[in-house]
Amino acid sequence: MATLTLHHLLLFLFATLIPLACTSPITEKRQAAGIPRPPPDPKPRPGDGSGEFNSDGLCGFNDYRVHAILQGGVLAFRAKGWPQSARAMDHYLGESGKDLSVNVDEIMKTTPAFKNAVHDLAEKTAKQRVETFIGPWVDLAFTSPWTVWHAWNDAKNEPHNYDWYYALGEYSYAVTGVVHKARNGALSLEWKAHVFDRYNWDNSDKKNQLGWGIELSHREIGHLHKCGSAQEYTIRGSAKGQVVQNYDSKKPLPPIN
């Protein structure tokens, strides 16, 4: 009987194990793509904002007067039952400059016209993505551009929602989502809405009716940012995800739940 050397043992192991490794079934579960993040921030409009923070040095008498009026406005907003307006103004006066998160689901719930606009944008964007894509696919992601929401209801000559009007004014919204195709060809859709706004004031002398009988110019309110007594900031928010089983781009998109 021949002696089993280390060389023979290694040859035996390679000859035995390598074919097993090559023929062993490997099961991989495909991970479906998630809903994309919001699109990049929209560019500031011309004249947007009052300028660089704390660029004017010390505040003057009128700045202290305006600051005190706005602090009173925070209390007035709360007394009127407008917590979002109070929160936004209070954050400005707090001068941290940090982003403020808003509840987009609450905006849609309390502003039906905005909810309808979001729904229409999602329906249009998803439909366009599915019906114009050429080639095989499993997941189709989509991102709409930012769209400006006009918070003033021209038909009624009043805001669509007073609380959100004084909190955000006009703001931008977008939708992102992904359409999944199953092995049997069935489609499902996941999507959500996003909101973006810059809480700031320009350098114009346009009077701003603050909702409690006081008028101040944009320049006066914005100068608090320039003298360091308040600070402009960014507002962001994303709604909860919407899921549509058996999605069909040729049928109306189900209502937002």
Protein backbone atom coordinates (compact mmCIF):
# COMPACT_ATOMS: atom_id res chain seq x y z
CA MET A 1 0.00 0.00 0.00
CA ALA A 2 1.43 3.37 -1.02
CA THR A 3 2.20 5.90 1.70
CA LEU A 4 -0.25 8.88 1.76
CA THR A 5 1.93 11.96 1.63
CA LEU A 6 0.89 15.57 2.30
CA HIS A 7 1.16 16.22 -1.43
CA HIS A 8 -1.31 13.45 -2.23
CA LEU A 9 -3.68 14.65 0.51
CA LEU A 10 -3.78 18.18 -0.88
CA LEU A 11 -4.44 16.90 -4.39
CA PHE A 12 -7.29 14.77 -3.06
CA LEU A 13 -8.88 17.71 -1.21
CA PHE A 14 -8.65 20.06 -4.20
CA ALA A 15 -10.09 17.42 -6.52
CA THR A 16 -12.99 16.75 -4.13
CA LEU A 17 -13.94 20.16 -2.73
CA ILE A 18 -13.53 22.47 -5.71
CA PRO A 19 -16.17 20.71 -7.86
CA LEU A 20 -18.53 20.76 -4.88
CA ALA A 21 -18.05 24.49 -4.47
CA CYS A 22 -18.64 25.10 -8.14
CA THR A 23 -21.80 23.00 -8.33
CA SER A 24 -23.35 23.98 -4.97
CA PRO A 25 -26.51 26.04 -5.56
CA ILE A 26 -26.27 29.68 -4.37
CA THR A 27 -29.57 31.39 -3.76
CA GLU A 28 -29.59 35.20 -3.75
CA LYS A 29 -32.69 37.17 -2.90
CA ARG A 30 -32.93 40.38 -4.91
CA GLN A 31 -33.28 43.42 -2.71
CA ALA A 32 -35.86 45.78 -4.10
CA ALA A 33 -34.82 49.39 -4.62
CA GLY A 34 -36.11 51.84 -2.04
CA ILE A 35 -37.80 55.20 -2.50
CA PRO A 36 -35.23 57.80 -3.60
CA ARG A 37 -34.31 60.73 -1.40
CA PRO A 38 -35.70 64.21 -2.17
CA PRO A 39 -34.19 66.00 -5.17
CA PRO A 40 -31.35 68.50 -4.62
CA ASP A 41 -32.41 71.75 -2.96
CA PRO A 42 -33.92 74.25 -5.39
CA LYS A 43 -31.79 77.28 -6.14
CA PRO A 44 -32.70 80.49 -4.27
CA ARG A 45 -34.84 82.90 -6.23
CA PRO A 46 -33.35 86.27 -7.20
CA GLY A 47 -33.48 88.58 -4.17
CA ASP A 48 -34.31 85.71 -1.84
CA GLY A 49 -33.11 86.30 1.71
CA SER A 50 -31.88 89.42 3.47
CA GLY A 51 -28.14 88.78 3.24
CA GLU A 52 -25.33 87.34 5.31
CA PHE A 53 -26.05 86.49 8.93
CA ASN A 54 -24.75 89.06 11.46
CA SER A 55 -23.19 91.12 8.69
CA ASP A 56 -24.39 94.48 10.09
CA GLY A 57 -22.92 94.08 13.55
CA LEU A 58 -24.92 95.51 16.44
CA CYS A 59 -28.70 95.77 16.31
CA GLY A 60 -30.40 99.14 16.64
CA PHE A 61 -33.45 100.40 18.49
CA ASN A 62 -35.84 99.46 15.68
CA ASP A 63 -34.42 95.93 15.59
CA TYR A 64 -35.21 95.48 19.28
CA ARG A 65 -38.69 96.87 18.64
CA VAL A 66 -39.28 94.46 15.76
CA HIS A 67 -37.91 91.53 17.75
CA ALA A 68 -40.28 92.29 20.63
CA ILE A 69 -43.24 92.58 18.24
CA LEU A 70 -42.41 89.21 16.69
CA GLN A 71 -42.07 87.60 20.11
CA GLY A 72 -45.56 88.89 20.83
CA GLY A 73 -46.58 87.45 17.47
CA VAL A 74 -45.48 83.98 18.56
CA LEU A 75 -47.90 84.25 21.48
CA ALA A 76 -50.62 85.62 19.21
CA PHE A 77 -50.21 82.73 16.77
CA ARG A 78 -50.57 80.26 19.62
CA ALA A 79 -53.63 82.05 20.94
CA LYS A 80 -55.22 81.78 17.49
CA GLY A 81 -54.56 78.04 17.42
CA TRP A 82 -51.84 78.31 14.78
CA PRO A 83 -49.01 76.22 16.28
CA GLN A 84 -47.05 75.87 13.04
CA SER A 85 -46.85 79.65 12.54
CA ALA A 86 -45.72 80.09 16.14
CA ARG A 87 -43.13 77.33 15.83
CA ALA A 88 -41.65 78.74 12.62
CA MET A 89 -41.41 82.31 13.93
CA ASP A 90 -40.01 81.16 17.27
CA HIS A 91 -37.32 79.16 15.46
CA TYR A 92 -36.34 82.25 13.46
CA LEU A 93 -36.03 84.34 16.62
CA GLY A 94 -34.04 81.56 18.29
CA GLU A 95 -31.25 82.37 15.79
CA SER A 96 -29.81 78.83 15.68
CA GLY A 97 -30.11 78.65 11.89
CA LYS A 98 -30.66 74.89 12.10
CA ASP A 99 -33.03 73.13 9.72
CA LEU A 100 -36.62 72.78 10.91
CA SER A 101 -38.55 69.61 10.13
CA VAL A 102 -42.25 69.79 9.26
CA ASN A 103 -44.92 67.09 9.15
CA VAL A 104 -45.87 66.78 5.49
CA ASP A 105 -48.68 64.35 6.26
CA GLU A 106 -50.20 67.00 8.53
CA ILE A 107 -49.87 69.65 5.81
CA MET A 108 -51.78 67.42 3.38
CA LYS A 109 -54.38 66.55 6.00
CA THR A 110 -55.13 70.18 6.81
CA THR A 111 -54.73 71.56 3.28
CA PRO A 112 -56.83 69.42 0.91
CA ALA A 113 -55.89 71.46 -2.16
CA PHE A 114 -52.22 70.78 -1.51
CA LYS A 115 -52.93 67.08 -0.98
CA ASN A 116 -54.65 66.97 -4.37
CA ALA A 117 -51.71 68.73 -6.01
CA VAL A 118 -49.27 66.21 -4.52
CA HIS A 119 -51.44 63.30 -5.68
CA ASP A 120 -51.62 64.68 -9.22
CA LEU A 121 -47.85 65.17 -9.36
CA ALA A 122 -47.21 61.60 -8.17
CA GLU A 123 -49.68 60.18 -10.67
CA LYS A 124 -48.16 62.12 -13.55
CA THR A 125 -44.52 61.42 -12.65
CA ALA A 126 -44.94 57.66 -12.08
CA LYS A 127 -47.04 57.25 -15.24
CA GLN A 128 -44.50 59.12 -17.36
CA ARG A 129 -41.62 57.06 -15.99
CA VAL A 130 -43.26 53.70 -16.71
CA GLU A 131 -44.69 54.53 -20.11
CA THR A 132 -41.62 56.23 -21.57
CA PHE A 133 -38.88 53.86 -20.36
CA ILE A 134 -37.46 51.65 -23.12
CA GLY A 135 -35.84 48.32 -22.34
CA PRO A 136 -36.10 45.61 -19.69
CA TRP A 137 -36.38 46.64 -16.06
CA VAL A 138 -37.12 45.34 -12.58
CA ASP A 139 -37.17 48.58 -10.55
CA LEU A 140 -37.89 52.00 -12.04
CA ALA A 141 -37.12 54.92 -9.74
CA PHE A 142 -38.44 58.41 -10.39
CA THR A 143 -37.94 61.90 -8.98
CA SER A 144 -40.03 64.92 -9.88
CA PRO A 145 -38.61 68.43 -10.02
CA TRP A 146 -39.54 70.86 -7.26
CA THR A 147 -42.86 72.62 -7.83
CA VAL A 148 -43.89 75.84 -6.08
CA TRP A 149 -47.06 75.61 -4.02
CA HIS A 150 -49.00 78.87 -4.09
CA ALA A 151 -50.41 79.07 -0.59
CA TRP A 152 -52.87 81.85 -1.43
CA ASN A 153 -56.31 80.80 -2.64
CA ASP A 154 -57.13 83.36 -5.33
CA ALA A 155 -60.70 82.12 -5.72
CA LYS A 156 -61.50 82.86 -2.06
CA ASN A 157 -58.94 85.66 -1.62
CA GLU A 158 -57.51 83.99 1.46
CA PRO A 159 -54.87 81.38 2.29
CA HIS A 160 -55.64 77.71 1.70
CA ASN A 161 -54.66 77.24 5.35
CA TYR A 162 -53.89 80.19 7.63
CA ASP A 163 -51.54 78.34 9.96
CA TRP A 164 -49.33 76.90 7.23
CA TYR A 165 -49.55 80.15 5.26
CA TYR A 166 -47.95 82.16 8.05
CA ALA A 167 -45.53 79.32 8.81
CA LEU A 168 -44.26 78.66 5.28
CA GLY A 169 -45.81 81.09 2.82
CA GLU A 170 -45.07 79.69 -0.63
CA TYR A 171 -42.97 76.54 -0.54
CA SER A 172 -41.71 73.82 -2.88
CA TYR A 173 -42.86 70.23 -3.08
CA ALA A 174 -41.70 67.15 -4.97
CA VAL A 175 -42.38 63.42 -5.13
CA THR A 176 -40.03 60.46 -5.40
CA GLY A 177 -40.84 56.80 -5.83
CA VAL A 178 -40.07 53.46 -7.39
CA VAL A 179 -42.10 51.00 -9.43
CA HIS A 180 -41.32 47.31 -8.86
CA LYS A 181 -41.96 44.54 -11.39
CA ALA A 182 -42.49 41.03 -10.03
CA ARG A 183 -41.48 37.86 -11.90
CA ASN A 184 -45.07 37.42 -13.04
CA GLY A 185 -45.12 40.95 -14.47
CA ALA A 186 -47.30 42.48 -11.74
CA LEU A 187 -46.37 46.04 -10.77
CA SER A 188 -46.31 47.74 -7.40
CA LEU A 189 -45.57 51.38 -6.60
CA GLU A 190 -44.00 53.05 -3.59
CA TRP A 191 -43.79 56.82 -3.36
CA LYS A 192 -43.74 59.77 -0.98
CA ALA A 193 -43.97 63.56 -0.99
CA HIS A 194 -41.33 66.06 0.14
CA VAL A 195 -41.45 69.73 1.12
CA PHE A 196 -38.72 72.37 1.04
CA ASP A 197 -38.70 76.03 2.02
CA ARG A 198 -36.32 78.77 3.06
CA TYR A 199 -37.65 80.77 6.00
CA ASN A 200 -36.30 84.21 5.14
CA TRP A 201 -37.22 87.77 4.31
CA ASP A 202 -36.04 89.97 1.44
CA ASN A 203 -34.84 93.57 1.60
CA SER A 204 -37.98 95.13 0.17
CA ASP A 205 -40.27 97.62 1.89
CA LYS A 206 -43.26 95.42 1.14
CA LYS A 207 -45.52 95.33 4.18
CA ASN A 208 -46.17 91.97 5.73
CA GLN A 209 -49.49 91.45 7.49
CA LEU A 210 -48.56 89.16 10.33
CA GLY A 211 -52.01 87.87 11.11
CA TRP A 212 -52.65 89.66 14.39
CA GLY A 213 -53.18 93.22 13.20
CA ILE A 214 -49.51 94.27 12.98
CA GLU A 215 -47.64 95.20 9.81
CA LEU A 216 -43.87 95.15 9.41
CA SER A 217 -41.81 95.43 6.25
CA HIS A 218 -39.79 92.53 4.91
CA ARG A 219 -36.69 94.68 5.33
CA GLU A 220 -37.38 95.22 9.04
CA ILE A 221 -37.95 91.54 9.77
CA GLY A 222 -35.02 90.45 7.62
CA HIS A 223 -32.66 92.92 9.26
CA LEU A 224 -32.85 90.89 12.46
CA HIS A 225 -30.93 88.21 10.55
CA LYS A 226 -28.35 90.74 9.36
CA CYS A 227 -27.75 92.15 12.83
CA GLY A 228 -27.66 88.73 14.51
CA SER A 229 -30.92 88.93 16.47
CA ALA A 230 -32.58 86.14 14.44
CA GLN A 231 -31.44 83.73 11.77
CA GLU A 232 -32.86 82.44 8.53
CA TYR A 233 -33.11 78.68 8.14
CA THR A 234 -34.27 75.85 5.91
CA ILE A 235 -37.48 73.88 6.32
CA ARG A 236 -37.66 70.25 5.19
CA GLY A 237 -40.07 67.38 5.49
CA SER A 238 -41.05 64.06 3.94
CA ALA A 239 -44.40 62.32 4.16
CA LYS A 240 -44.90 58.67 5.01
CA GLY A 241 -44.56 56.28 2.09
CA GLN A 242 -47.56 55.34 -0.03
CA VAL A 243 -47.81 51.77 -1.38
CA VAL A 244 -49.92 50.79 -4.38
CA GLN A 245 -50.26 47.08 -5.12
CA ASN A 246 -51.17 45.97 -8.67
CA TYR A 247 -50.19 49.39 -9.99
CA ASP A 248 -51.45 50.25 -13.46
CA SER A 249 -50.19 53.45 -15.07
CA LYS A 250 -53.28 53.61 -17.27
CA LYS A 251 -55.61 53.80 -14.27
CA PRO A 252 -56.03 56.69 -11.78
CA LEU A 253 -53.64 56.62 -8.86
CA PRO A 254 -55.42 55.60 -5.63
CA PRO A 255 -56.03 58.43 -3.13
CA ILE A 256 -53.40 59.26 -0.52
CA ASN A 257 -54.10 57.46 2.71
